Amino acid sequence: MPPEASPVETPETEFSEPVEPVEAPQAPIERPEESSIASQKEFKGPAISEAVNEVMQIVEALRQALAQMEDVLELVEVAERQKLGDEREIDSLRRALRRFHHPRGESHGRSQTEE
């Protein structure tokens, strides 16, 4: 087994007051990540406004599509009402045609005199 390490002793100094560490003045160091972040910030403004413009164009296109769909719906509803009216008129004409071919009082089958 290795021998146990003894704690390191620091020599006592002749100063009675604690000494504060002196920091060297630091010049701003530009790291590659920071420069790319800065360039991204420069491009973010136009990129964001461009994205906002695209979204606004999409919203406007959707509004126009909605308006066109509402117009189509209105036309379909008009066509449906017209269809129902036409069906009623056809039914009425069929009933009138039946009355014309078969006046009241006549039997619907062949008469016995025709046989």
Protein backbone atom coordinates (compact mmCIF):
# COMPACT_ATOMS: atom_id res chain seq x y z
CA MET A 1 0.00 0.00 0.00
CA PRO A 2 1.30 3.52 -0.73
CA PRO A 3 2.18 5.65 2.24
CA GLU A 4 -0.35 8.26 3.24
CA ALA A 5 0.34 11.77 1.99
CA SER A 6 1.07 14.31 4.65
CA PRO A 7 -0.75 17.64 4.58
CA VAL A 8 1.16 20.48 2.91
CA GLU A 9 2.22 23.11 5.31
CA THR A 10 2.36 26.73 4.23
CA PRO A 11 5.14 28.82 5.66
CA GLU A 12 4.16 31.72 7.80
CA THR A 13 4.86 35.15 6.36
CA GLU A 14 6.05 38.20 8.16
CA PHE A 15 3.04 40.29 6.98
CA SER A 16 0.37 40.82 9.54
CA GLU A 17 -2.30 42.00 7.10
CA PRO A 18 -3.79 39.71 4.51
CA VAL A 19 -2.57 40.40 1.01
CA GLU A 20 -5.21 40.81 -1.67
CA PRO A 21 -4.43 39.29 -5.02
CA VAL A 22 -3.75 41.79 -7.75
CA GLU A 23 -5.67 41.28 -10.94
CA ALA A 24 -4.06 42.12 -14.22
CA PRO A 25 -6.19 44.32 -16.45
CA GLN A 26 -7.97 42.15 -18.94
CA ALA A 27 -8.40 43.19 -22.53
CA PRO A 28 -11.60 41.94 -24.09
CA ILE A 29 -10.85 38.69 -25.81
CA GLU A 30 -13.04 37.95 -28.76
CA ARG A 31 -13.74 34.30 -29.00
CA PRO A 32 -14.97 32.69 -32.19
CA GLU A 33 -18.31 31.86 -30.58
CA GLU A 34 -18.81 35.48 -29.53
CA SER A 35 -18.04 36.83 -32.99
CA SER A 36 -20.49 34.43 -34.58
CA ILE A 37 -23.11 35.42 -32.00
CA ALA A 38 -22.49 39.08 -32.80
CA SER A 39 -22.87 38.42 -36.51
CA GLN A 40 -26.03 36.43 -35.80
CA LYS A 41 -27.42 39.41 -33.90
CA GLU A 42 -26.72 41.62 -36.90
CA PHE A 43 -28.67 39.25 -39.13
CA LYS A 44 -31.46 38.56 -36.64
CA GLY A 45 -33.07 41.94 -37.11
CA PRO A 46 -33.60 41.60 -40.86
CA ALA A 47 -34.30 37.88 -40.54
CA ILE A 48 -37.01 38.46 -37.95
CA SER A 49 -38.62 41.28 -39.90
CA GLU A 50 -38.46 39.16 -43.03
CA ALA A 51 -40.15 36.29 -41.19
CA VAL A 52 -42.81 38.67 -39.86
CA ASN A 53 -43.44 39.92 -43.41
CA GLU A 54 -43.78 36.36 -44.68
CA VAL A 55 -46.23 35.51 -41.90
CA MET A 56 -48.26 38.64 -42.68
CA GLN A 57 -48.36 37.62 -46.36
CA ILE A 58 -49.55 34.15 -45.38
CA VAL A 59 -52.24 35.63 -43.13
CA GLU A 60 -53.43 37.88 -45.96
CA ALA A 61 -53.47 34.95 -48.39
CA LEU A 62 -55.51 32.94 -45.88
CA ARG A 63 -57.97 35.82 -45.49
CA GLN A 64 -58.39 35.99 -49.26
CA ALA A 65 -58.84 32.22 -49.43
CA LEU A 66 -61.46 32.44 -46.68
CA ALA A 67 -63.33 35.17 -48.56
CA GLN A 68 -63.28 33.06 -51.72
CA MET A 69 -64.50 30.02 -49.79
CA GLU A 70 -67.36 32.09 -48.35
CA ASP A 71 -68.28 33.17 -51.90
CA VAL A 72 -68.25 29.55 -53.04
CA LEU A 73 -70.38 28.54 -50.05
CA GLU A 74 -72.90 31.24 -50.94
CA LEU A 75 -73.03 29.96 -54.53
CA VAL A 76 -73.52 26.38 -53.32
CA GLU A 77 -76.35 27.51 -51.03
CA VAL A 78 -78.01 29.38 -53.93
CA ALA A 79 -77.62 26.30 -56.13
CA GLU A 80 -79.12 24.10 -53.39
CA ARG A 81 -82.15 26.41 -53.04
CA GLN A 82 -82.55 26.45 -56.83
CA LYS A 83 -82.31 22.65 -56.95
CA LEU A 84 -85.01 22.26 -54.28
CA GLY A 85 -87.25 24.70 -56.15
CA ASP A 86 -86.68 22.85 -59.42
CA GLU A 87 -87.49 19.50 -57.75
CA ARG A 88 -90.76 20.94 -56.38
CA GLU A 89 -91.66 22.27 -59.81
CA ILE A 90 -90.89 18.90 -61.44
CA ASP A 91 -93.07 17.11 -58.87
CA SER A 92 -95.88 19.58 -59.52
CA LEU A 93 -95.62 19.05 -63.30
CA ARG A 94 -95.64 15.26 -62.82
CA ARG A 95 -98.82 15.48 -60.74
CA ALA A 96 -100.45 17.70 -63.39
CA LEU A 97 -99.40 15.28 -66.13
CA ARG A 98 -100.92 12.34 -64.22
CA ARG A 99 -104.17 14.24 -63.80
CA PHE A 100 -104.17 15.03 -67.51
CA HIS A 101 -103.65 11.37 -68.51
CA HIS A 102 -105.96 10.01 -65.82
CA PRO A 103 -108.90 12.33 -65.21
CA ARG A 104 -110.87 11.74 -62.04
CA GLY A 105 -113.59 9.17 -62.26
CA GLU A 106 -111.62 6.93 -64.63
CA SER A 107 -110.13 3.72 -63.39
CA HIS A 108 -106.40 3.39 -63.64
CA GLY A 109 -106.58 -0.05 -65.22
CA ARG A 110 -107.89 -1.00 -68.65
CA SER A 111 -111.59 -0.74 -69.11
CA GLN A 112 -113.52 -3.94 -69.70
CA THR A 113 -114.90 -2.68 -73.01
CA GLU A 114 -111.38 -2.49 -74.49
CA GLU A 115 -110.76 -6.22 -73.91
